[in-house]
N, C-alpha and C. Protein backbone atom coordinates (compact mmCIF):
# COMPACT_ATOMS: atom_id res chain seq x y z
N UNK A 1 -45.13 1.72 -114.09
CA UNK A 1 -44.79 0.33 -114.38
C UNK A 1 -44.12 -0.28 -113.15
N UNK A 2 -44.51 -1.48 -112.81
CA UNK A 2 -43.94 -2.16 -111.66
C UNK A 2 -42.57 -2.74 -112.02
N UNK A 3 -41.61 -2.66 -111.08
CA UNK A 3 -40.26 -3.17 -111.31
C UNK A 3 -40.29 -4.70 -111.41
N UNK A 4 -39.49 -5.23 -112.34
CA UNK A 4 -39.36 -6.68 -112.46
C UNK A 4 -38.53 -7.18 -111.29
N UNK A 5 -38.91 -8.33 -110.74
CA UNK A 5 -38.16 -8.94 -109.65
C UNK A 5 -37.91 -10.40 -109.96
N UNK A 6 -36.67 -10.79 -110.00
CA UNK A 6 -36.30 -12.19 -110.13
C UNK A 6 -35.83 -12.66 -108.76
N UNK A 7 -36.20 -13.85 -108.37
CA UNK A 7 -35.75 -14.38 -107.10
C UNK A 7 -34.44 -15.14 -107.32
N UNK A 8 -33.36 -14.57 -106.84
CA UNK A 8 -32.04 -15.19 -106.96
C UNK A 8 -31.55 -15.72 -105.62
N UNK A 9 -32.43 -15.76 -104.66
CA UNK A 9 -32.06 -16.21 -103.33
C UNK A 9 -32.14 -15.08 -102.33
N UNK A 10 -31.60 -15.31 -101.14
CA UNK A 10 -31.64 -14.30 -100.08
C UNK A 10 -30.25 -14.11 -99.51
N UNK A 11 -30.04 -12.95 -98.90
CA UNK A 11 -28.83 -12.64 -98.17
C UNK A 11 -29.19 -12.43 -96.71
N UNK A 12 -28.25 -12.73 -95.80
CA UNK A 12 -28.50 -12.66 -94.37
C UNK A 12 -27.34 -11.94 -93.70
N UNK A 13 -27.66 -11.12 -92.68
CA UNK A 13 -26.62 -10.45 -91.91
C UNK A 13 -27.11 -10.25 -90.47
N UNK A 14 -26.13 -10.03 -89.59
CA UNK A 14 -26.43 -9.73 -88.19
C UNK A 14 -26.46 -8.22 -88.01
N UNK A 15 -27.38 -7.79 -87.17
CA UNK A 15 -27.47 -6.38 -86.79
C UNK A 15 -27.40 -6.35 -85.27
N UNK A 16 -26.43 -5.62 -84.74
CA UNK A 16 -26.23 -5.54 -83.29
C UNK A 16 -26.57 -4.12 -82.86
N UNK A 17 -27.50 -4.01 -81.92
CA UNK A 17 -27.90 -2.70 -81.42
C UNK A 17 -27.45 -2.60 -79.97
N UNK A 18 -26.38 -1.82 -79.71
CA UNK A 18 -25.90 -1.68 -78.33
C UNK A 18 -26.88 -0.86 -77.49
N UNK A 19 -26.76 -0.98 -76.17
CA UNK A 19 -27.61 -0.23 -75.26
C UNK A 19 -27.48 1.27 -75.55
N UNK A 20 -26.28 1.71 -75.81
CA UNK A 20 -26.02 3.11 -76.18
C UNK A 20 -25.16 3.11 -77.44
N UNK A 21 -25.51 3.95 -78.37
CA UNK A 21 -24.72 4.06 -79.60
C UNK A 21 -25.47 3.56 -80.82
N UNK A 22 -24.85 3.76 -81.97
CA UNK A 22 -25.50 3.39 -83.23
C UNK A 22 -25.46 1.87 -83.47
N UNK A 23 -26.38 1.36 -84.30
CA UNK A 23 -26.37 -0.06 -84.66
C UNK A 23 -25.10 -0.43 -85.42
N UNK A 24 -24.68 -1.66 -85.26
CA UNK A 24 -23.54 -2.20 -86.01
C UNK A 24 -24.08 -3.30 -86.92
N UNK A 25 -23.59 -3.31 -88.16
CA UNK A 25 -24.07 -4.30 -89.13
C UNK A 25 -22.92 -5.23 -89.50
N UNK A 26 -23.23 -6.51 -89.57
CA UNK A 26 -22.25 -7.50 -89.99
C UNK A 26 -22.23 -7.62 -91.50
N UNK A 27 -21.37 -8.49 -91.99
CA UNK A 27 -21.29 -8.71 -93.43
C UNK A 27 -22.48 -9.56 -93.89
N UNK A 28 -22.77 -9.51 -95.17
CA UNK A 28 -23.86 -10.30 -95.75
C UNK A 28 -23.38 -11.72 -96.02
N UNK A 29 -24.22 -12.71 -95.72
CA UNK A 29 -23.94 -14.12 -95.99
C UNK A 29 -24.99 -14.64 -96.96
N UNK A 30 -24.61 -15.63 -97.77
CA UNK A 30 -25.57 -16.17 -98.74
C UNK A 30 -26.40 -17.32 -98.18
N UNK A 31 -26.07 -17.77 -96.96
CA UNK A 31 -26.87 -18.82 -96.33
C UNK A 31 -27.09 -18.49 -94.86
N UNK A 32 -28.18 -19.01 -94.31
CA UNK A 32 -28.43 -18.84 -92.88
C UNK A 32 -27.35 -19.56 -92.07
N UNK A 33 -26.86 -20.67 -92.60
CA UNK A 33 -25.82 -21.43 -91.90
C UNK A 33 -24.55 -20.60 -91.75
N UNK A 34 -24.19 -19.84 -92.77
CA UNK A 34 -23.02 -18.97 -92.69
C UNK A 34 -23.18 -17.92 -91.61
N UNK A 35 -24.36 -17.34 -91.51
CA UNK A 35 -24.63 -16.35 -90.47
C UNK A 35 -24.60 -16.98 -89.09
N UNK A 36 -25.21 -18.17 -88.95
CA UNK A 36 -25.20 -18.86 -87.65
C UNK A 36 -23.79 -19.17 -87.21
N UNK A 37 -22.95 -19.59 -88.14
CA UNK A 37 -21.57 -19.90 -87.83
C UNK A 37 -20.83 -18.66 -87.34
N UNK A 38 -21.01 -17.55 -88.02
CA UNK A 38 -20.34 -16.30 -87.62
C UNK A 38 -20.84 -15.82 -86.26
N UNK A 39 -22.15 -15.94 -86.01
CA UNK A 39 -22.71 -15.49 -84.74
C UNK A 39 -22.30 -16.39 -83.58
N UNK A 40 -22.04 -17.66 -83.86
CA UNK A 40 -21.63 -18.56 -82.78
C UNK A 40 -20.25 -18.18 -82.26
N UNK A 41 -19.45 -17.49 -83.08
CA UNK A 41 -18.11 -17.08 -82.67
C UNK A 41 -18.10 -15.70 -82.00
N UNK A 42 -19.20 -14.97 -82.12
CA UNK A 42 -19.27 -13.61 -81.57
C UNK A 42 -19.56 -13.65 -80.07
N UNK A 43 -18.88 -12.79 -79.33
CA UNK A 43 -19.16 -12.64 -77.91
C UNK A 43 -20.38 -11.74 -77.77
N UNK A 44 -21.42 -12.24 -77.11
CA UNK A 44 -22.65 -11.46 -76.96
C UNK A 44 -22.62 -10.73 -75.63
N UNK A 45 -22.77 -9.42 -75.67
CA UNK A 45 -22.71 -8.60 -74.48
C UNK A 45 -24.11 -8.37 -73.91
N UNK A 46 -24.22 -8.37 -72.60
CA UNK A 46 -25.50 -8.10 -71.94
C UNK A 46 -25.90 -6.66 -72.25
N UNK A 47 -27.15 -6.46 -72.58
CA UNK A 47 -27.65 -5.12 -72.90
C UNK A 47 -27.75 -4.85 -74.39
N UNK A 48 -26.99 -5.59 -75.19
CA UNK A 48 -27.08 -5.45 -76.64
C UNK A 48 -28.25 -6.28 -77.15
N UNK A 49 -28.85 -5.83 -78.24
CA UNK A 49 -29.89 -6.60 -78.91
C UNK A 49 -29.32 -7.10 -80.23
N UNK A 50 -29.61 -8.35 -80.57
CA UNK A 50 -29.06 -8.99 -81.76
C UNK A 50 -30.21 -9.40 -82.68
N UNK A 51 -30.08 -9.07 -83.95
CA UNK A 51 -31.11 -9.37 -84.94
C UNK A 51 -30.49 -10.05 -86.14
N UNK A 52 -31.25 -10.89 -86.80
CA UNK A 52 -30.87 -11.46 -88.09
C UNK A 52 -31.76 -10.79 -89.12
N UNK A 53 -31.13 -10.15 -90.12
CA UNK A 53 -31.87 -9.50 -91.19
C UNK A 53 -31.71 -10.29 -92.48
N UNK A 54 -32.70 -10.19 -93.33
CA UNK A 54 -32.68 -10.88 -94.61
C UNK A 54 -33.19 -9.94 -95.69
N UNK A 55 -32.65 -10.10 -96.89
CA UNK A 55 -33.16 -9.35 -98.04
C UNK A 55 -33.02 -10.20 -99.28
N UNK A 56 -33.84 -9.90 -100.27
CA UNK A 56 -33.85 -10.61 -101.53
C UNK A 56 -32.61 -10.24 -102.34
N UNK A 57 -31.94 -11.23 -102.87
CA UNK A 57 -30.80 -11.01 -103.75
C UNK A 57 -31.35 -10.77 -105.15
N UNK A 58 -30.99 -9.67 -105.75
CA UNK A 58 -31.52 -9.31 -107.07
C UNK A 58 -30.39 -9.06 -108.05
N UNK A 59 -30.75 -9.01 -109.32
CA UNK A 59 -29.77 -8.71 -110.37
C UNK A 59 -30.03 -7.31 -110.91
N UNK A 60 -29.20 -6.83 -111.83
CA UNK A 60 -29.35 -5.49 -112.39
C UNK A 60 -30.67 -5.35 -113.16
N UNK A 61 -31.15 -6.42 -113.75
CA UNK A 61 -32.42 -6.38 -114.48
C UNK A 61 -33.62 -6.23 -113.56
N UNK A 62 -33.47 -6.64 -112.32
CA UNK A 62 -34.59 -6.62 -111.39
C UNK A 62 -35.05 -5.20 -111.06
N UNK A 63 -34.13 -4.27 -111.04
CA UNK A 63 -34.45 -2.88 -110.75
C UNK A 63 -35.28 -2.76 -109.47
N UNK A 64 -34.89 -3.51 -108.45
CA UNK A 64 -35.61 -3.47 -107.18
C UNK A 64 -34.60 -3.36 -106.04
N UNK A 65 -34.95 -2.64 -105.02
CA UNK A 65 -34.08 -2.49 -103.86
C UNK A 65 -34.90 -2.76 -102.61
N UNK A 66 -34.91 -4.01 -102.18
CA UNK A 66 -35.69 -4.40 -101.01
C UNK A 66 -34.97 -3.98 -99.74
N UNK A 67 -35.71 -3.42 -98.79
CA UNK A 67 -35.18 -3.05 -97.51
C UNK A 67 -35.01 -4.32 -96.67
N UNK A 68 -33.86 -4.51 -96.01
CA UNK A 68 -33.70 -5.71 -95.18
C UNK A 68 -34.77 -5.76 -94.09
N UNK A 69 -35.25 -6.98 -93.79
CA UNK A 69 -36.25 -7.14 -92.74
C UNK A 69 -35.74 -8.10 -91.69
N UNK A 70 -36.12 -7.88 -90.46
CA UNK A 70 -35.71 -8.72 -89.34
C UNK A 70 -36.48 -10.03 -89.43
N UNK A 71 -35.73 -11.15 -89.37
CA UNK A 71 -36.38 -12.46 -89.40
C UNK A 71 -36.17 -13.24 -88.11
N UNK A 72 -35.26 -12.78 -87.24
CA UNK A 72 -35.03 -13.45 -85.96
C UNK A 72 -34.36 -12.48 -84.99
N UNK A 73 -34.56 -12.70 -83.71
CA UNK A 73 -33.88 -11.92 -82.69
C UNK A 73 -33.21 -12.86 -81.71
N UNK A 74 -32.13 -12.41 -81.11
CA UNK A 74 -31.43 -13.21 -80.10
C UNK A 74 -31.46 -12.47 -78.79
């Protein structure tokens, strides 16, 4: 049986991949504007890669766990 999925919106977060070391993940935001605001305050280091990830916001009834996907790079 396929899992039910309700669309309750999307969540957005920043993913920072340093030249050396493990990726760092930011907090989840409920709007792209919130993520843009947080990223505008972040100091961006040369050599790091910056990504915006998004995932579907679901409820307990949805029984779905979507893997975050990259929607933008900086």
